[in-house]
Amino acid sequence: MDGFGSDFSSGGSGGKVDTGTIMEQVKVQIAVANAQELLQRMTDKCFKKCIGKPGSTLDNSEQKCIAMCMDRYMDAWNTVSRTYNSRLQRERARM
């Protein structure tokens, strides 16, 4: 049988599921989805903040605004991410 079910058959060693591999694939997919969401949010916020009248080109002030906005957004995201991960580690250590 082709499709999702074929990988999870309960036969010999060929049908065994490597949960470690699946977990790594899920982690990679989550990381990609998070990066895409970060990029989309950053683009939306910085575009709204920096671009007054959309046109075919960006003037110097718009380019500088976009660059600074994206830098600040990434710095803030990294700070929040580090703090969140640190708190998760502390909580796990308490359990």
PDB file of N, CA and C in Angstrom:
ATOM      1  N   MET A   1       0.853  -1.180   0.000  1.00  0.00           N
ATOM      2  CA  MET A   1       0.000   0.000   0.000  1.00  0.00           C
ATOM      3  C   MET A   1       0.890   1.231   0.000  1.00  0.00           C
ATOM      4  N   ASP A   2       0.667   2.142  -0.924  1.00  0.00           N
ATOM      5  CA  ASP A   2       1.439   3.375  -0.972  1.00  0.00           C
ATOM      6  C   ASP A   2       0.798   4.415  -0.075  1.00  0.00           C
ATOM      7  N   GLY A   3       1.605   5.364   0.390  1.00  0.00           N
ATOM      8  CA  GLY A   3       1.060   6.442   1.209  1.00  0.00           C
ATOM      9  C   GLY A   3       1.658   6.415   2.603  1.00  0.00           C
ATOM     10  N   PHE A   4       0.983   7.077   3.520  1.00  0.00           N
ATOM     11  CA  PHE A   4       1.506   7.214   4.865  1.00  0.00           C
ATOM     12  C   PHE A   4       1.535   5.892   5.610  1.00  0.00           C
ATOM     13  N   GLY A   5       0.539   5.056   5.441  1.00  0.00           N
ATOM     14  CA  GLY A   5       0.431   3.822   6.191  1.00  0.00           C
ATOM     15  C   GLY A   5       1.527   2.830   5.895  1.00  0.00           C
ATOM     16  N   SER A   6       2.117   2.888   4.734  1.00  0.00           N
ATOM     17  CA  SER A   6       3.119   1.886   4.358  1.00  0.00           C
ATOM     18  C   SER A   6       4.377   1.976   5.204  1.00  0.00           C
ATOM     19  N   ASP A   7       4.709   3.120   5.713  1.00  0.00           N
ATOM     20  CA  ASP A   7       5.909   3.276   6.526  1.00  0.00           C
ATOM     21  C   ASP A   7       5.737   2.735   7.940  1.00  0.00           C
ATOM     22  N   PHE A   8       4.535   2.510   8.364  1.00  0.00           N
ATOM     23  CA  PHE A   8       4.266   2.118   9.740  1.00  0.00           C
ATOM     24  C   PHE A   8       3.746   0.689   9.843  1.00  0.00           C
ATOM     25  N   SER A   9       4.074  -0.153   8.870  1.00  0.00           N
ATOM     26  CA  SER A   9       3.609  -1.536   8.921  1.00  0.00           C
ATOM     27  C   SER A   9       4.296  -2.262  10.069  1.00  0.00           C
ATOM     28  N   SER A  10       3.633  -3.268  10.591  1.00  0.00           N
ATOM     29  CA  SER A  10       4.177  -3.988  11.741  1.00  0.00           C
ATOM     30  C   SER A  10       4.744  -5.320  11.300  1.00  0.00           C
ATOM     31  N   GLY A  11       5.701  -5.284  10.426  1.00  0.00           N
ATOM     32  CA  GLY A  11       6.314  -6.502   9.933  1.00  0.00           C
ATOM     33  C   GLY A  11       7.702  -6.648  10.510  1.00  0.00           C
ATOM     34  N   GLY A  12       8.630  -7.032   9.666  1.00  0.00           N
ATOM     35  CA  GLY A  12      10.011  -7.218  10.086  1.00  0.00           C
ATOM     36  C   GLY A  12      10.701  -5.899  10.318  1.00  0.00           C
ATOM     37  N   SER A  13      12.006  -5.933  10.308  1.00  0.00           N
ATOM     38  CA  SER A  13      12.779  -4.739  10.616  1.00  0.00           C
ATOM     39  C   SER A  13      12.584  -3.635   9.588  1.00  0.00           C
ATOM     40  N   GLY A  14      12.153  -4.003   8.368  1.00  0.00           N
ATOM     41  CA  GLY A  14      11.913  -2.993   7.349  1.00  0.00           C
ATOM     42  C   GLY A  14      10.732  -2.103   7.673  1.00  0.00           C
ATOM     43  N   GLY A  15       9.838  -2.528   8.536  1.00  0.00           N
ATOM     44  CA  GLY A  15       8.645  -1.760   8.860  1.00  0.00           C
ATOM     45  C   GLY A  15       8.756  -0.959  10.131  1.00  0.00           C
ATOM     46  N   LYS A  16       9.888  -1.056  10.832  1.00  0.00           N
ATOM     47  CA  LYS A  16      10.031  -0.335  12.097  1.00  0.00           C
ATOM     48  C   LYS A  16      10.192   1.155  11.851  1.00  0.00           C
ATOM     49  N   VAL A  17       9.634   1.902  12.748  1.00  0.00           N
ATOM     50  CA  VAL A  17       9.689   3.358  12.654  1.00  0.00           C
ATOM     51  C   VAL A  17      10.803   3.854  13.562  1.00  0.00           C
ATOM     52  N   ASP A  18      11.671   4.661  13.017  1.00  0.00           N
ATOM     53  CA  ASP A  18      12.738   5.267  13.810  1.00  0.00           C
ATOM     54  C   ASP A  18      12.207   6.573  14.381  1.00  0.00           C
ATOM     55  N   THR A  19      11.772   6.517  15.633  1.00  0.00           N
ATOM     56  CA  THR A  19      11.152   7.701  16.239  1.00  0.00           C
ATOM     57  C   THR A  19      12.141   8.859  16.360  1.00  0.00           C
ATOM     58  N   GLY A  20      13.421   8.556  16.534  1.00  0.00           N
ATOM     59  CA  GLY A  20      14.423   9.622  16.612  1.00  0.00           C
ATOM     60  C   GLY A  20      14.501  10.405  15.316  1.00  0.00           C
ATOM     61  N   THR A  21      14.466   9.701  14.196  1.00  0.00           N
ATOM     62  CA  THR A  21      14.509  10.352  12.888  1.00  0.00           C
ATOM     63  C   THR A  21      13.259  11.184  12.668  1.00  0.00           C
ATOM     64  N   ILE A  22      12.117  10.627  13.039  1.00  0.00           N
ATOM     65  CA  ILE A  22      10.854  11.357  12.869  1.00  0.00           C
ATOM     66  C   ILE A  22      10.857  12.615  13.723  1.00  0.00           C
ATOM     67  N   MET A  23      11.332  12.506  14.966  1.00  0.00           N
ATOM     68  CA  MET A  23      11.378  13.676  15.842  1.00  0.00           C
ATOM     69  C   MET A  23      12.295  14.757  15.279  1.00  0.00           C
ATOM     70  N   GLU A  24      13.432  14.356  14.725  1.00  0.00           N
ATOM     71  CA  GLU A  24      14.336  15.334  14.123  1.00  0.00           C
ATOM     72  C   GLU A  24      13.694  16.012  12.919  1.00  0.00           C
ATOM     73  N   GLN A  25      12.985  15.259  12.114  1.00  0.00           N
ATOM     74  CA  GLN A  25      12.301  15.829  10.952  1.00  0.00           C
ATOM     75  C   GLN A  25      11.223  16.815  11.396  1.00  0.00           C
ATOM     76  N   VAL A  26      10.502  16.471  12.444  1.00  0.00           N
ATOM     77  CA  VAL A  26       9.473  17.373  12.967  1.00  0.00           C
ATOM     78  C   VAL A  26      10.113  18.646  13.504  1.00  0.00           C
ATOM     79  N   LYS A  27      11.232  18.503  14.215  1.00  0.00           N
ATOM     80  CA  LYS A  27      11.936  19.680  14.749  1.00  0.00           C
ATOM     81  C   LYS A  27      12.397  20.601  13.623  1.00  0.00           C
ATOM     82  N   VAL A  28      12.907  20.016  12.554  1.00  0.00           N
ATOM     83  CA  VAL A  28      13.352  20.818  11.407  1.00  0.00           C
ATOM     84  C   VAL A  28      12.160  21.530  10.777  1.00  0.00           C
ATOM     85  N   GLN A  29      11.058  20.826  10.616  1.00  0.00           N
ATOM     86  CA  GLN A  29       9.862  21.437  10.023  1.00  0.00           C
ATOM     87  C   GLN A  29       9.335  22.573  10.888  1.00  0.00           C
ATOM     88  N   ILE A  30       9.366  22.394  12.208  1.00  0.00           N
ATOM     89  CA  ILE A  30       8.924  23.453  13.122  1.00  0.00           C
ATOM     90  C   ILE A  30       9.859  24.650  13.026  1.00  0.00           C
ATOM     91  N   ALA A  31      11.158  24.406  12.965  1.00  0.00           N
ATOM     92  CA  ALA A  31      12.126  25.497  12.853  1.00  0.00           C
ATOM     93  C   ALA A  31      11.916  26.280  11.559  1.00  0.00           C
ATOM     94  N   VAL A  32      11.675  25.581  10.459  1.00  0.00           N
ATOM     95  CA  VAL A  32      11.428  26.246   9.177  1.00  0.00           C
ATOM     96  C   VAL A  32      10.146  27.076   9.259  1.00  0.00           C
ATOM     97  N   ALA A  33       9.094  26.511   9.829  1.00  0.00           N
ATOM     98  CA  ALA A  33       7.825  27.240   9.960  1.00  0.00           C
ATOM     99  C   ALA A  33       7.999  28.480  10.831  1.00  0.00           C
ATOM    100  N   ASN A  34       8.759  28.350  11.923  1.00  0.00           N
ATOM    101  CA  ASN A  34       9.006  29.501  12.795  1.00  0.00           C
ATOM    102  C   ASN A  34       9.804  30.585  12.069  1.00  0.00           C
ATOM    103  N   ALA A  35      10.800  30.185  11.292  1.00  0.00           N
ATOM    104  CA  ALA A  35      11.593  31.160  10.538  1.00  0.00           C
ATOM    105  C   ALA A  35      10.728  31.873   9.501  1.00  0.00           C
ATOM    106  N   GLN A  36       9.858  31.133   8.833  1.00  0.00           N
ATOM    107  CA  GLN A  36       8.964  31.744   7.846  1.00  0.00           C
ATOM    108  C   GLN A  36       8.014  32.733   8.513  1.00  0.00           C
ATOM    109  N   GLU A  37       7.485  32.356   9.674  1.00  0.00           N
ATOM    110  CA  GLU A  37       6.580  33.259  10.389  1.00  0.00           C
ATOM    111  C   GLU A  37       7.309  34.513  10.856  1.00  0.00           C
ATOM    112  N   LEU A  38       8.529  34.335  11.371  1.00  0.00           N
ATOM    113  CA  LEU A  38       9.334  35.482  11.799  1.00  0.00           C
ATOM    114  C   LEU A  38       9.573  36.432  10.634  1.00  0.00           C
ATOM    115  N   LEU A  39       9.972  35.897   9.503  1.00  0.00           N
ATOM    116  CA  LEU A  39      10.241  36.724   8.330  1.00  0.00           C
ATOM    117  C   LEU A  39       8.979  37.446   7.864  1.00  0.00           C
ATOM    118  N   GLN A  40       7.856  36.753   7.867  1.00  0.00           N
ATOM    119  CA  GLN A  40       6.593  37.368   7.430  1.00  0.00           C
ATOM    120  C   GLN A  40       6.175  38.500   8.366  1.00  0.00           C
ATOM    121  N   ARG A  41       6.249  38.256   9.672  1.00  0.00           N
ATOM    122  CA  ARG A  41       5.868  39.299  10.640  1.00  0.00           C
ATOM    123  C   ARG A  41       6.798  40.503  10.552  1.00  0.00           C
ATOM    124  N   MET A  42       8.092  40.231  10.444  1.00  0.00           N
ATOM    125  CA  MET A  42       9.069  41.305  10.343  1.00  0.00           C
ATOM    126  C   MET A  42       8.822  42.131   9.083  1.00  0.00           C
ATOM    127  N   THR A  43       8.579  41.456   7.973  1.00  0.00           N
ATOM    128  CA  THR A  43       8.316  42.151   6.718  1.00  0.00           C
ATOM    129  C   THR A  43       7.071  43.022   6.827  1.00  0.00           C
ATOM    130  N   ASP A  44       6.000  42.466   7.369  1.00  0.00           N
ATOM    131  CA  ASP A  44       4.750  43.225   7.511  1.00  0.00           C
ATOM    132  C   ASP A  44       4.934  44.458   8.382  1.00  0.00           C
ATOM    133  N   LYS A  45       5.530  44.263   9.550  1.00  0.00           N
ATOM    134  CA  LYS A  45       5.685  45.380  10.491  1.00  0.00           C
ATOM    135  C   LYS A  45       6.612  46.460   9.941  1.00  0.00           C
ATOM    136  N   CYS A  46       7.732  46.052   9.371  1.00  0.00           N
ATOM    137  CA  CYS A  46       8.692  47.044   8.874  1.00  0.00           C
ATOM    138  C   CYS A  46       8.171  47.743   7.626  1.00  0.00           C
ATOM    139  N   PHE A  47       7.432  47.040   6.784  1.00  0.00           N
ATOM    140  CA  PHE A  47       6.845  47.678   5.603  1.00  0.00           C
ATOM    141  C   PHE A  47       5.847  48.745   6.038  1.00  0.00           C
ATOM    142  N   LYS A  48       4.963  48.398   6.979  1.00  0.00           N
ATOM    143  CA  LYS A  48       3.963  49.359   7.451  1.00  0.00           C
ATOM    144  C   LYS A  48       4.623  50.575   8.093  1.00  0.00           C
ATOM    145  N   LYS A  49       5.717  50.338   8.809  1.00  0.00           N
ATOM    146  CA  LYS A  49       6.397  51.427   9.509  1.00  0.00           C
ATOM    147  C   LYS A  49       7.185  52.329   8.563  1.00  0.00           C
ATOM    148  N   CYS A  50       7.815  51.748   7.547  1.00  0.00           N
ATOM    149  CA  CYS A  50       8.816  52.480   6.774  1.00  0.00           C
ATOM    150  C   CYS A  50       8.365  52.944   5.387  1.00  0.00           C
ATOM    151  N   ILE A  51       7.381  52.330   4.817  1.00  0.00           N
ATOM    152  CA  ILE A  51       6.998  52.646   3.440  1.00  0.00           C
ATOM    153  C   ILE A  51       5.700  53.447   3.441  1.00  0.00           C
ATOM    154  N   GLY A  52       5.830  54.726   3.105  1.00  0.00           N
ATOM    155  CA  GLY A  52       4.656  55.597   3.078  1.00  0.00           C
ATOM    156  C   GLY A  52       3.822  55.389   1.823  1.00  0.00           C
ATOM    157  N   LYS A  53       4.462  55.500   0.689  1.00  0.00           N
ATOM    158  CA  LYS A  53       3.788  55.326  -0.594  1.00  0.00           C
ATOM    159  C   LYS A  53       4.560  54.277  -1.395  1.00  0.00           C
ATOM    160  N   PRO A  54       4.015  53.066  -1.483  1.00  0.00           N
ATOM    161  CA  PRO A  54       4.717  52.034  -2.259  1.00  0.00           C
ATOM    162  C   PRO A  54       4.921  52.469  -3.707  1.00  0.00           C
ATOM    163  N   GLY A  55       6.086  52.177  -4.225  1.00  0.00           N
ATOM    164  CA  GLY A  55       6.414  52.507  -5.609  1.00  0.00           C
ATOM    165  C   GLY A  55       7.333  51.449  -6.184  1.00  0.00           C
ATOM    166  N   SER A  56       7.952  51.768  -7.276  1.00  0.00           N
ATOM    167  CA  SER A  56       8.812  50.785  -7.939  1.00  0.00           C
ATOM    168  C   SER A  56      10.201  50.708  -7.309  1.00  0.00           C
ATOM    169  N   THR A  57      10.594  51.712  -6.519  1.00  0.00           N
ATOM    170  CA  THR A  57      11.902  51.704  -5.856  1.00  0.00           C
ATOM    171  C   THR A  57      11.766  52.264  -4.449  1.00  0.00           C
ATOM    172  N   LEU A  58      12.788  52.016  -3.641  1.00  0.00           N
ATOM    173  CA  LEU A  58      12.841  52.575  -2.294  1.00  0.00           C
ATOM    174  C   LEU A  58      13.858  53.705  -2.282  1.00  0.00           C
ATOM    175  N   ASP A  59      13.494  54.830  -1.651  1.00  0.00           N
ATOM    176  CA  ASP A  59      14.486  55.890  -1.528  1.00  0.00           C
ATOM    177  C   ASP A  59      15.435  55.558  -0.366  1.00  0.00           C
ATOM    178  N   ASN A  60      16.463  56.364  -0.199  1.00  0.00           N
ATOM    179  CA  ASN A  60      17.485  56.085   0.817  1.00  0.00           C
ATOM    180  C   ASN A  60      16.908  56.008   2.221  1.00  0.00           C
ATOM    181  N   SER A  61      16.001  56.914   2.554  1.00  0.00           N
ATOM    182  CA  SER A  61      15.448  56.910   3.914  1.00  0.00           C
ATOM    183  C   SER A  61      14.614  55.646   4.153  1.00  0.00           C
ATOM    184  N   GLU A  62      13.896  55.185   3.141  1.00  0.00           N
ATOM    185  CA  GLU A  62      13.111  53.947   3.284  1.00  0.00           C
ATOM    186  C   GLU A  62      14.035  52.740   3.437  1.00  0.00           C
ATOM    187  N   GLN A  63      15.116  52.721   2.673  1.00  0.00           N
ATOM    188  CA  GLN A  63      16.070  51.617   2.777  1.00  0.00           C
ATOM    189  C   GLN A  63      16.701  51.566   4.168  1.00  0.00           C
ATOM    190  N   LYS A  64      17.089  52.724   4.677  1.00  0.00           N
ATOM    191  CA  LYS A  64      17.685  52.785   6.018  1.00  0.00           C
ATOM    192  C   LYS A  64      16.675  52.376   7.079  1.00  0.00           C
ATOM    193  N   CYS A  65      15.452  52.854   6.936  1.00  0.00           N
ATOM    194  CA  CYS A  65      14.401  52.522   7.889  1.00  0.00           C
ATOM    195  C   CYS A  65      14.146  51.014   7.904  1.00  0.00           C
ATOM    196  N   ILE A  66      14.039  50.412   6.735  1.00  0.00           N
ATOM    197  CA  ILE A  66      13.810  48.970   6.635  1.00  0.00           C
ATOM    198  C   ILE A  66      14.960  48.203   7.287  1.00  0.00           C
ATOM    199  N   ALA A  67      16.189  48.589   6.982  1.00  0.00           N
ATOM    200  CA  ALA A  67      17.356  47.894   7.535  1.00  0.00           C
ATOM    201  C   ALA A  67      17.383  48.000   9.060  1.00  0.00           C
ATOM    202  N   MET A  68      17.153  49.199   9.584  1.00  0.00           N
ATOM    203  CA  MET A  68      17.172  49.389  11.030  1.00  0.00           C
ATOM    204  C   MET A  68      16.014  48.657  11.701  1.00  0.00           C
ATOM    205  N   CYS A  69      14.852  48.719  11.088  1.00  0.00           N
ATOM    206  CA  CYS A  69      13.672  48.047  11.634  1.00  0.00           C
ATOM    207  C   CYS A  69      13.908  46.541  11.717  1.00  0.00           C
ATOM    208  N   MET A  70      14.442  45.971  10.648  1.00  0.00           N
ATOM    209  CA  MET A  70      14.685  44.532  10.628  1.00  0.00           C
ATOM    210  C   MET A  70      15.752  44.145  11.656  1.00  0.00           C
ATOM    211  N   ASP A  71      16.790  44.964  11.790  1.00  0.00           N
ATOM    212  CA  ASP A  71      17.824  44.702  12.795  1.00  0.00           C
ATOM    213  C   ASP A  71      17.234  44.730  14.207  1.00  0.00           C
ATOM    214  N   ARG A  72      16.432  45.752  14.504  1.00  0.00           N
ATOM    215  CA  ARG A  72      15.823  45.851  15.831  1.00  0.00           C
ATOM    216  C   ARG A  72      14.863  44.702  16.083  1.00  0.00           C
ATOM    217  N   TYR A  73      14.084  44.327  15.067  1.00  0.00           N
ATOM    218  CA  TYR A  73      13.133  43.235  15.202  1.00  0.00           C
ATOM    219  C   TYR A  73      13.876  41.934  15.514  1.00  0.00           C
ATOM    220  N   MET A  74      14.960  41.671  14.784  1.00  0.00           N
ATOM    221  CA  MET A  74      15.737  40.450  15.013  1.00  0.00           C
ATOM    222  C   MET A  74      16.398  40.472  16.395  1.00  0.00           C
ATOM    223  N   ASP A  75      16.921  41.611  16.804  1.00  0.00           N
ATOM    224  CA  ASP A  75      17.524  41.715  18.139  1.00  0.00           C
ATOM    225  C   ASP A  75      16.487  41.418  19.218  1.00  0.00           C
ATOM    226  N   ALA A  76      15.310  42.002  19.081  1.00  0.00           N
ATOM    227  CA  ALA A  76      14.251  41.773  20.065  1.00  0.00           C
ATOM    228  C   ALA A  76      13.819  40.313  20.067  1.00  0.00           C
ATOM    229  N   TRP A  77      13.658  39.735  18.884  1.00  0.00           N
ATOM    230  CA  TRP A  77      13.242  38.333  18.792  1.00  0.00           C
ATOM    231  C   TRP A  77      14.286  37.428  19.428  1.00  0.00           C
ATOM    232  N   ASN A  78      15.565  37.684  19.173  1.00  0.00           N
ATOM    233  CA  ASN A  78      16.634  36.880  19.753  1.00  0.00           C
ATOM    234  C   ASN A  78      16.661  36.997  21.279  1.00  0.00           C
ATOM    235  N   THR A  79      16.439  38.189  21.792  1.00  0.00           N
ATOM    236  CA  THR A  79      16.415  38.391  23.242  1.00  0.00           C
ATOM    237  C   THR A  79      15.268  37.610  23.868  1.00  0.00           C
ATOM    238  N   VAL A  80      14.097  37.720  23.285  1.00  0.00           N
ATOM    239  CA  VAL A  80      12.931  36.996  23.802  1.00  0.00           C
ATOM    240  C   VAL A  80      13.158  35.490  23.708  1.00  0.00           C
ATOM    241  N   SER A  81      13.698  35.042  22.607  1.00  0.00           N
ATOM    242  CA  SER A  81      13.949  33.618  22.404  1.00  0.00           C
ATOM    243  C   SER A  81      14.941  33.068  23.429  1.00  0.00           C
ATOM    244  N   ARG A  82      16.033  33.794  23.657  1.00  0.00           N
ATOM    245  CA  ARG A  82      17.019  33.350  24.643  1.00  0.00           C
ATOM    246  C   ARG A  82      16.409  33.298  26.040  1.00  0.00           C
ATOM    247  N   THR A  83      15.639  34.319  26.394  1.00  0.00           N
ATOM    248  CA  THR A  83      15.013  34.370  27.707  1.00  0.00           C
ATOM    249  C   THR A  83      14.016  33.229  27.876  1.00  0.00           C
ATOM    250  N   TYR A  84      13.224  32.976  26.857  1.00  0.00           N
ATOM    251  CA  TYR A  84      12.236  31.900  26.899  1.00  0.00           C
ATOM    252  C   TYR A  84      12.928  30.544  27.045  1.00  0.00           C
ATOM    253  N   ASN A  85      13.971  30.303  26.261  1.00  0.00           N
ATOM    254  CA  ASN A  85      14.696  29.033  26.350  1.00  0.00           C
ATOM    255  C   ASN A  85      15.362  28.862  27.703  1.00  0.00           C
ATOM    256  N   SER A  86      15.893  29.932  28.246  1.00  0.00           N
ATOM    257  CA  SER A  86      16.509  29.874  29.565  1.00  0.00           C
ATOM    258  C   SER A  86      15.472  29.516  30.623  1.00  0.00           C
ATOM    259  N   ARG A  87      14.306  30.105  30.525  1.00  0.00           N
ATOM    260  CA  ARG A  87      13.244  29.803  31.491  1.00  0.00           C
ATOM    261  C   ARG A  87      12.785  28.354  31.357  1.00  0.00           C
ATOM    262  N   LEU A  88      12.671  27.866  30.125  1.00  0.00           N
ATOM    263  CA  LEU A  88      12.292  26.466  29.922  1.00  0.00           C
ATOM    264  C   LEU A  88      13.306  25.529  30.578  1.00  0.00           C
ATOM    265  N   GLN A  89      14.578  25.826  30.404  1.00  0.00           N
ATOM    266  CA  GLN A  89      15.613  24.983  31.003  1.00  0.00           C
ATOM    267  C   GLN A  89      15.531  25.005  32.522  1.00  0.00           C
ATOM    268  N   ARG A  90      15.278  26.172  33.113  1.00  0.00           N
ATOM    269  CA  ARG A  90      15.137  26.265  34.566  1.00  0.00           C
ATOM    270  C   ARG A  90      13.937  25.455  35.042  1.00  0.00           C
ATOM    271  N   GLU A  91      12.830  25.551  34.318  1.00  0.00           N
ATOM    272  CA  GLU A  91      11.620  24.814  34.692  1.00  0.00           C
ATOM    273  C   GLU A  91      11.843  23.306  34.589  1.00  0.00           C
ATOM    274  N   ARG A  92      12.533  22.879  33.551  1.00  0.00           N
ATOM    275  CA  ARG A  92      12.825  21.446  33.397  1.00  0.00           C
ATOM    276  C   ARG A  92      13.740  20.945  34.502  1.00  0.00           C
ATOM    277  N   ALA A  93      14.689  21.784  34.922  1.00  0.00           N
ATOM    278  CA  ALA A  93      15.614  21.389  35.964  1.00  0.00           C
ATOM    279  C   ALA A  93      14.897  21.245  37.314  1.00  0.00           C
ATOM    280  N   ARG A  94      13.849  22.034  37.527  1.00  0.00           N
ATOM    281  CA  ARG A  94      13.094  21.978  38.780  1.00  0.00           C
ATOM    282  C   ARG A  94      12.252  20.708  38.873  1.00  0.00           C
ATOM    283  N   MET A  95      11.907  20.130  37.733  1.00  0.00           N
ATOM    284  CA  MET A  95      11.039  18.949  37.754  1.00  0.00           C
ATOM    285  C   MET A  95      11.791  17.716  37.995  1.00  0.00           C
TER     286      MET A  95
END
